[in-house]
Amino acid sequence: MTDQELLISLRKASRIIGEYLEPGPHDAEQTLSRLIAVLDNQDLALALDRLEKGHGLRFELPQLSAHCPHSLSVRRMSK
């Protein structure tokens, strides 16, 4: 799992919690089921372990054509 995918999963979970905290009636069981569907994932757990151990961030960079003057670099992050 890339860090982008990890962040997407965490944002989904955050959105689910935010929706639950909005005023109005809510179904706690459905909310919990939605959170489990997002967070109960072996790839997600491995990605979090990797980050906790300080192995830095993992990005998938777009392919750049030879005609593109821009260059991208990724800086390794550590604790």
PDB file of N, CA and C in Angstrom:
ATOM      1  N   MET A   1       0.860  -1.179   0.000  1.00  0.00           N
ATOM      2  CA  MET A   1       0.000   0.000   0.000  1.00  0.00           C
ATOM      3  C   MET A   1       0.898   1.232   0.000  1.00  0.00           C
ATOM      4  N   THR A   2       0.612   2.143  -0.904  1.00  0.00           N
ATOM      5  CA  THR A   2       1.362   3.387  -0.934  1.00  0.00           C
ATOM      6  C   THR A   2       0.846   4.326   0.151  1.00  0.00           C
ATOM      7  N   ASP A   3       1.614   5.349   0.431  1.00  0.00           N
ATOM      8  CA  ASP A   3       1.170   6.317   1.428  1.00  0.00           C
ATOM      9  C   ASP A   3      -0.061   7.076   0.956  1.00  0.00           C
ATOM     10  N   GLN A   4      -0.187   7.277  -0.359  1.00  0.00           N
ATOM     11  CA  GLN A   4      -1.397   7.921  -0.868  1.00  0.00           C
ATOM     12  C   GLN A   4      -2.618   7.071  -0.532  1.00  0.00           C
ATOM     13  N   GLU A   5      -2.512   5.766  -0.726  1.00  0.00           N
ATOM     14  CA  GLU A   5      -3.623   4.866  -0.407  1.00  0.00           C
ATOM     15  C   GLU A   5      -3.893   4.848   1.099  1.00  0.00           C
ATOM     16  N   LEU A   6      -2.831   4.891   1.889  1.00  0.00           N
ATOM     17  CA  LEU A   6      -2.981   4.961   3.337  1.00  0.00           C
ATOM     18  C   LEU A   6      -3.730   6.223   3.740  1.00  0.00           C
ATOM     19  N   LEU A   7      -3.338   7.347   3.170  1.00  0.00           N
ATOM     20  CA  LEU A   7      -4.003   8.608   3.490  1.00  0.00           C
ATOM     21  C   LEU A   7      -5.455   8.612   3.038  1.00  0.00           C
ATOM     22  N   ILE A   8      -5.735   8.016   1.894  1.00  0.00           N
ATOM     23  CA  ILE A   8      -7.117   7.928   1.418  1.00  0.00           C
ATOM     24  C   ILE A   8      -7.955   7.133   2.415  1.00  0.00           C
ATOM     25  N   SER A   9      -7.418   6.007   2.901  1.00  0.00           N
ATOM     26  CA  SER A   9      -8.146   5.193   3.881  1.00  0.00           C
ATOM     27  C   SER A   9      -8.395   5.970   5.165  1.00  0.00           C
ATOM     28  N   LEU A  10      -7.380   6.678   5.638  1.00  0.00           N
ATOM     29  CA  LEU A  10      -7.547   7.452   6.866  1.00  0.00           C
ATOM     30  C   LEU A  10      -8.527   8.602   6.673  1.00  0.00           C
ATOM     31  N   ARG A  11      -8.521   9.212   5.508  1.00  0.00           N
ATOM     32  CA  ARG A  11      -9.493  10.285   5.227  1.00  0.00           C
ATOM     33  C   ARG A  11     -10.908   9.733   5.158  1.00  0.00           C
ATOM     34  N   LYS A  12     -11.066   8.540   4.574  1.00  0.00           N
ATOM     35  CA  LYS A  12     -12.391   7.909   4.534  1.00  0.00           C
ATOM     36  C   LYS A  12     -12.898   7.659   5.946  1.00  0.00           C
ATOM     37  N   ALA A  13     -12.027   7.120   6.799  1.00  0.00           N
ATOM     38  CA  ALA A  13     -12.418   6.850   8.179  1.00  0.00           C
ATOM     39  C   ALA A  13     -12.777   8.150   8.895  1.00  0.00           C
ATOM     40  N   SER A  14     -11.996   9.171   8.668  1.00  0.00           N
ATOM     41  CA  SER A  14     -12.271  10.472   9.281  1.00  0.00           C
ATOM     42  C   SER A  14     -13.611  11.026   8.811  1.00  0.00           C
ATOM     43  N   ARG A  15     -13.899  10.865   7.534  1.00  0.00           N
ATOM     44  CA  ARG A  15     -15.184  11.336   6.992  1.00  0.00           C
ATOM     45  C   ARG A  15     -16.349  10.570   7.613  1.00  0.00           C
ATOM     46  N   ILE A  16     -16.189   9.264   7.782  1.00  0.00           N
ATOM     47  CA  ILE A  16     -17.244   8.446   8.395  1.00  0.00           C
ATOM     48  C   ILE A  16     -17.507   8.924   9.822  1.00  0.00           C
ATOM     49  N   ILE A  17     -16.441   9.169  10.579  1.00  0.00           N
ATOM     50  CA  ILE A  17     -16.606   9.654  11.955  1.00  0.00           C
ATOM     51  C   ILE A  17     -17.246  11.035  11.953  1.00  0.00           C
ATOM     52  N   GLY A  18     -16.802  11.896  11.043  1.00  0.00           N
ATOM     53  CA  GLY A  18     -17.378  13.237  10.948  1.00  0.00           C
ATOM     54  C   GLY A  18     -18.865  13.202  10.642  1.00  0.00           C
ATOM     55  N   GLU A  19     -19.269  12.306   9.752  1.00  0.00           N
ATOM     56  CA  GLU A  19     -20.691  12.169   9.432  1.00  0.00           C
ATOM     57  C   GLU A  19     -21.473  11.711  10.664  1.00  0.00           C
ATOM     58  N   TYR A  20     -20.875  10.815  11.440  1.00  0.00           N
ATOM     59  CA  TYR A  20     -21.543  10.312  12.639  1.00  0.00           C
ATOM     60  C   TYR A  20     -21.708  11.413  13.688  1.00  0.00           C
ATOM     61  N   LEU A  21     -20.745  12.314  13.746  1.00  0.00           N
ATOM     62  CA  LEU A  21     -20.781  13.384  14.747  1.00  0.00           C
ATOM     63  C   LEU A  21     -21.693  14.545  14.357  1.00  0.00           C
ATOM     64  N   GLU A  22     -22.164  14.560  13.125  1.00  0.00           N
ATOM     65  CA  GLU A  22     -23.096  15.603  12.698  1.00  0.00           C
ATOM     66  C   GLU A  22     -24.400  15.469  13.484  1.00  0.00           C
ATOM     67  N   PRO A  23     -25.079  16.583  13.703  1.00  0.00           N
ATOM     68  CA  PRO A  23     -26.372  16.519  14.403  1.00  0.00           C
ATOM     69  C   PRO A  23     -27.370  15.634  13.646  1.00  0.00           C
ATOM     70  N   GLY A  24     -28.233  15.009  14.415  1.00  0.00           N
ATOM     71  CA  GLY A  24     -29.272  14.184  13.810  1.00  0.00           C
ATOM     72  C   GLY A  24     -29.132  12.728  14.213  1.00  0.00           C
ATOM     73  N   PRO A  25     -30.090  11.923  13.777  1.00  0.00           N
ATOM     74  CA  PRO A  25     -30.070  10.506  14.144  1.00  0.00           C
ATOM     75  C   PRO A  25     -28.956   9.762  13.397  1.00  0.00           C
ATOM     76  N   HIS A  26     -28.381   8.791  14.086  1.00  0.00           N
ATOM     77  CA  HIS A  26     -27.293   8.009  13.493  1.00  0.00           C
ATOM     78  C   HIS A  26     -27.426   6.556  13.889  1.00  0.00           C
ATOM     79  N   ASP A  27     -26.916   5.695  13.044  1.00  0.00           N
ATOM     80  CA  ASP A  27     -26.909   4.263  13.292  1.00  0.00           C
ATOM     81  C   ASP A  27     -25.480   3.868  13.657  1.00  0.00           C
ATOM     82  N   ALA A  28     -25.230   3.679  14.948  1.00  0.00           N
ATOM     83  CA  ALA A  28     -23.881   3.365  15.422  1.00  0.00           C
ATOM     84  C   ALA A  28     -23.368   2.056  14.824  1.00  0.00           C
ATOM     85  N   GLU A  29     -24.226   1.077  14.687  1.00  0.00           N
ATOM     86  CA  GLU A  29     -23.809  -0.213  14.144  1.00  0.00           C
ATOM     87  C   GLU A  29     -23.370  -0.075  12.685  1.00  0.00           C
ATOM     88  N   GLN A  30     -24.123   0.688  11.919  1.00  0.00           N
ATOM     89  CA  GLN A  30     -23.760   0.921  10.515  1.00  0.00           C
ATOM     90  C   GLN A  30     -22.448   1.708  10.427  1.00  0.00           C
ATOM     91  N   THR A  31     -22.275   2.698  11.281  1.00  0.00           N
ATOM     92  CA  THR A  31     -21.047   3.484  11.291  1.00  0.00           C
ATOM     93  C   THR A  31     -19.854   2.598  11.618  1.00  0.00           C
ATOM     94  N   LEU A  32     -19.997   1.752  12.625  1.00  0.00           N
ATOM     95  CA  LEU A  32     -18.919   0.842  12.991  1.00  0.00           C
ATOM     96  C   LEU A  32     -18.606  -0.115  11.837  1.00  0.00           C
ATOM     97  N   SER A  33     -19.617  -0.619  11.177  1.00  0.00           N
ATOM     98  CA  SER A  33     -19.410  -1.513  10.027  1.00  0.00           C
ATOM     99  C   SER A  33     -18.650  -0.809   8.911  1.00  0.00           C
ATOM    100  N   ARG A  34     -18.998   0.450   8.672  1.00  0.00           N
ATOM    101  CA  ARG A  34     -18.300   1.230   7.637  1.00  0.00           C
ATOM    102  C   ARG A  34     -16.837   1.459   8.017  1.00  0.00           C
ATOM    103  N   LEU A  35     -16.598   1.767   9.293  1.00  0.00           N
ATOM    104  CA  LEU A  35     -15.215   1.961   9.744  1.00  0.00           C
ATOM    105  C   LEU A  35     -14.402   0.672   9.631  1.00  0.00           C
ATOM    106  N   ILE A  36     -14.984  -0.432  10.010  1.00  0.00           N
ATOM    107  CA  ILE A  36     -14.294  -1.716   9.903  1.00  0.00           C
ATOM    108  C   ILE A  36     -13.976  -2.024   8.448  1.00  0.00           C
ATOM    109  N   ALA A  37     -14.903  -1.734   7.557  1.00  0.00           N
ATOM    110  CA  ALA A  37     -14.667  -1.986   6.135  1.00  0.00           C
ATOM    111  C   ALA A  37     -13.467  -1.198   5.612  1.00  0.00           C
ATOM    112  N   VAL A  38     -13.262  -0.014   6.141  1.00  0.00           N
ATOM    113  CA  VAL A  38     -12.152   0.831   5.695  1.00  0.00           C
ATOM    114  C   VAL A  38     -10.849   0.457   6.410  1.00  0.00           C
ATOM    115  N   LEU A  39     -10.917   0.232   7.717  1.00  0.00           N
ATOM    116  CA  LEU A  39      -9.705   0.113   8.519  1.00  0.00           C
ATOM    117  C   LEU A  39      -9.214  -1.313   8.762  1.00  0.00           C
ATOM    118  N   ASP A  40     -10.079  -2.294   8.641  1.00  0.00           N
ATOM    119  CA  ASP A  40      -9.674  -3.674   8.899  1.00  0.00           C
ATOM    120  C   ASP A  40      -9.075  -4.258   7.623  1.00  0.00           C
ATOM    121  N   ASN A  41      -7.827  -3.885   7.380  1.00  0.00           N
ATOM    122  CA  ASN A  41      -7.168  -4.215   6.124  1.00  0.00           C
ATOM    123  C   ASN A  41      -5.706  -4.521   6.433  1.00  0.00           C
ATOM    124  N   GLN A  42      -5.229  -5.688   6.038  1.00  0.00           N
ATOM    125  CA  GLN A  42      -3.855  -6.097   6.322  1.00  0.00           C
ATOM    126  C   GLN A  42      -2.848  -5.142   5.683  1.00  0.00           C
ATOM    127  N   ASP A  43      -3.103  -4.686   4.461  1.00  0.00           N
ATOM    128  CA  ASP A  43      -2.178  -3.752   3.810  1.00  0.00           C
ATOM    129  C   ASP A  43      -2.088  -2.438   4.572  1.00  0.00           C
ATOM    130  N   LEU A  44      -3.215  -1.979   5.091  1.00  0.00           N
ATOM    131  CA  LEU A  44      -3.230  -0.755   5.884  1.00  0.00           C
ATOM    132  C   LEU A  44      -2.404  -0.947   7.161  1.00  0.00           C
ATOM    133  N   ALA A  45      -2.571  -2.070   7.832  1.00  0.00           N
ATOM    134  CA  ALA A  45      -1.817  -2.345   9.046  1.00  0.00           C
ATOM    135  C   ALA A  45      -0.317  -2.403   8.767  1.00  0.00           C
ATOM    136  N   LEU A  46       0.070  -3.026   7.670  1.00  0.00           N
ATOM    137  CA  LEU A  46       1.485  -3.104   7.310  1.00  0.00           C
ATOM    138  C   LEU A  46       2.051  -1.725   6.984  1.00  0.00           C
ATOM    139  N   ALA A  47       1.265  -0.899   6.301  1.00  0.00           N
ATOM    140  CA  ALA A  47       1.717   0.455   5.969  1.00  0.00           C
ATOM    141  C   ALA A  47       1.909   1.285   7.234  1.00  0.00           C
ATOM    142  N   LEU A  48       0.996   1.156   8.187  1.00  0.00           N
ATOM    143  CA  LEU A  48       1.140   1.880   9.455  1.00  0.00           C
ATOM    144  C   LEU A  48       2.361   1.387  10.228  1.00  0.00           C
ATOM    145  N   ASP A  49       2.582   0.077  10.238  1.00  0.00           N
ATOM    146  CA  ASP A  49       3.772  -0.468  10.896  1.00  0.00           C
ATOM    147  C   ASP A  49       5.039   0.084  10.266  1.00  0.00           C
ATOM    148  N   ARG A  50       5.067   0.147   8.944  1.00  0.00           N
ATOM    149  CA  ARG A  50       6.237   0.668   8.228  1.00  0.00           C
ATOM    150  C   ARG A  50       6.525   2.107   8.645  1.00  0.00           C
ATOM    151  N   LEU A  51       5.476   2.917   8.716  1.00  0.00           N
ATOM    152  CA  LEU A  51       5.664   4.312   9.111  1.00  0.00           C
ATOM    153  C   LEU A  51       6.108   4.432  10.568  1.00  0.00           C
ATOM    154  N   GLU A  52       5.523   3.623  11.443  1.00  0.00           N
ATOM    155  CA  GLU A  52       5.888   3.661  12.859  1.00  0.00           C
ATOM    156  C   GLU A  52       7.344   3.270  13.075  1.00  0.00           C
ATOM    157  N   LYS A  53       7.856   2.395  12.232  1.00  0.00           N
ATOM    158  CA  LYS A  53       9.240   1.949  12.367  1.00  0.00           C
ATOM    159  C   LYS A  53      10.215   2.925  11.711  1.00  0.00           C
ATOM    160  N   GLY A  54       9.695   4.004  11.149  1.00  0.00           N
ATOM    161  CA  GLY A  54      10.555   5.040  10.593  1.00  0.00           C
ATOM    162  C   GLY A  54      11.158   4.730   9.239  1.00  0.00           C
ATOM    163  N   HIS A  55      10.462   3.924   8.444  1.00  0.00           N
ATOM    164  CA  HIS A  55      10.985   3.587   7.129  1.00  0.00           C
ATOM    165  C   HIS A  55      10.617   4.627   6.073  1.00  0.00           C
ATOM    166  N   GLY A  56      10.059   5.727   6.494  1.00  0.00           N
ATOM    167  CA  GLY A  56       9.780   6.807   5.564  1.00  0.00           C
ATOM    168  C   GLY A  56       8.485   6.633   4.811  1.00  0.00           C
ATOM    169  N   LEU A  57       8.297   7.513   3.871  1.00  0.00           N
ATOM    170  CA  LEU A  57       7.081   7.542   3.079  1.00  0.00           C
ATOM    171  C   LEU A  57       7.317   6.865   1.743  1.00  0.00           C
ATOM    172  N   ARG A  58       6.272   6.265   1.214  1.00  0.00           N
ATOM    173  CA  ARG A  58       6.354   5.594  -0.087  1.00  0.00           C
ATOM    174  C   ARG A  58       5.346   6.248  -1.021  1.00  0.00           C
ATOM    175  N   PHE A  59       5.846   6.794  -2.114  1.00  0.00           N
ATOM    176  CA  PHE A  59       4.998   7.478  -3.085  1.00  0.00           C
ATOM    177  C   PHE A  59       5.065   6.788  -4.427  1.00  0.00           C
ATOM    178  N   GLU A  60       3.975   6.863  -5.169  1.00  0.00           N
ATOM    179  CA  GLU A  60       3.976   6.478  -6.578  1.00  0.00           C
ATOM    180  C   GLU A  60       3.979   7.776  -7.357  1.00  0.00           C
ATOM    181  N   LEU A  61       5.044   8.026  -8.087  1.00  0.00           N
ATOM    182  CA  LEU A  61       5.137   9.245  -8.863  1.00  0.00           C
ATOM    183  C   LEU A  61       4.601   9.005 -10.271  1.00  0.00           C
ATOM    184  N   PRO A  62       3.951  10.015 -10.842  1.00  0.00           N
ATOM    185  CA  PRO A  62       3.459   9.860 -12.209  1.00  0.00           C
ATOM    186  C   PRO A  62       4.628   9.766 -13.171  1.00  0.00           C
ATOM    187  N   GLN A  63       4.413   9.053 -14.257  1.00  0.00           N
ATOM    188  CA  GLN A  63       5.421   8.977 -15.307  1.00  0.00           C
ATOM    189  C   GLN A  63       5.478  10.313 -16.023  1.00  0.00           C
ATOM    190  N   LEU A  64       6.674  10.828 -16.197  1.00  0.00           N
ATOM    191  CA  LEU A  64       6.842  12.094 -16.896  1.00  0.00           C
ATOM    192  C   LEU A  64       7.351  11.823 -18.304  1.00  0.00           C
ATOM    193  N   SER A  65       6.811  12.544 -19.257  1.00  0.00           N
ATOM    194  CA  SER A  65       7.272  12.369 -20.627  1.00  0.00           C
ATOM    195  C   SER A  65       8.572  13.133 -20.811  1.00  0.00           C
ATOM    196  N   ALA A  66       9.301  12.811 -21.856  1.00  0.00           N
ATOM    197  CA  ALA A  66      10.562  13.483 -22.141  1.00  0.00           C
ATOM    198  C   ALA A  66      10.333  14.952 -22.462  1.00  0.00           C
ATOM    199  N   HIS A  67       9.103  15.287 -22.845  1.00  0.00           N
ATOM    200  CA  HIS A  67       8.783  16.668 -23.212  1.00  0.00           C
ATOM    201  C   HIS A  67       8.412  17.521 -22.008  1.00  0.00           C
ATOM    202  N   CYS A  68       8.271  16.908 -20.863  1.00  0.00           N
ATOM    203  CA  CYS A  68       7.863  17.635 -19.668  1.00  0.00           C
ATOM    204  C   CYS A  68       9.085  18.237 -18.989  1.00  0.00           C
ATOM    205  N   PRO A  69       9.145  19.558 -18.859  1.00  0.00           N
ATOM    206  CA  PRO A  69      10.321  20.191 -18.274  1.00  0.00           C
ATOM    207  C   PRO A  69      10.388  20.082 -16.752  1.00  0.00           C
ATOM    208  N   HIS A  70       9.323  19.642 -16.123  1.00  0.00           N
ATOM    209  CA  HIS A  70       9.285  19.593 -14.663  1.00  0.00           C
ATOM    210  C   HIS A  70       9.945  18.324 -14.163  1.00  0.00           C
ATOM    211  N   SER A  71      10.578  18.423 -13.028  1.00  0.00           N
ATOM    212  CA  SER A  71      11.121  17.230 -12.392  1.00  0.00           C
ATOM    213  C   SER A  71      10.537  17.130 -10.995  1.00  0.00           C
ATOM    214  N   LEU A  72      10.342  15.906 -10.559  1.00  0.00           N
ATOM    215  CA  LEU A  72       9.780  15.657  -9.229  1.00  0.00           C
ATOM    216  C   LEU A  72      10.825  14.963  -8.390  1.00  0.00           C
ATOM    217  N   SER A  73      10.852  15.286  -7.146  1.00  0.00           N
ATOM    218  CA  SER A  73      11.737  14.566  -6.239  1.00  0.00           C
ATOM    219  C   SER A  73      10.952  14.241  -4.984  1.00  0.00           C
ATOM    220  N   VAL A  74      11.324  13.172  -4.345  1.00  0.00           N
ATOM    221  CA  VAL A  74      10.680  12.751  -3.112  1.00  0.00           C
ATOM    222  C   VAL A  74      11.761  12.759  -2.044  1.00  0.00           C
ATOM    223  N   ARG A  75      11.467  13.432  -0.958  1.00  0.00           N
ATOM    224  CA  ARG A  75      12.400  13.491   0.153  1.00  0.00           C
ATOM    225  C   ARG A  75      11.996  12.418   1.149  1.00  0.00           C
ATOM    226  N   ARG A  76      12.942  11.613   1.551  1.00  0.00           N
ATOM    227  CA  ARG A  76      12.667  10.560   2.527  1.00  0.00           C
ATOM    228  C   ARG A  76      12.420  11.209   3.882  1.00  0.00           C
ATOM    229  N   MET A  77      11.330  10.813   4.500  1.00  0.00           N
ATOM    230  CA  MET A  77      10.962  11.362   5.793  1.00  0.00           C
ATOM    231  C   MET A  77      11.360  10.351   6.864  1.00  0.00           C
ATOM    232  N   SER A  78      11.801  10.851   7.985  1.00  0.00           N
ATOM    233  CA  SER A  78      12.096   9.963   9.108  1.00  0.00           C
ATOM    234  C   SER A  78      11.627  10.619  10.390  1.00  0.00           C
ATOM    235  N   LYS A  79      11.616   9.836  11.443  1.00  0.00           N
ATOM    236  CA  LYS A  79      11.151  10.344  12.748  1.00  0.00           C
ATOM    237  C   LYS A  79      12.114  11.377  13.285  1.00  0.00           C
TER     238      LYS A  79
END
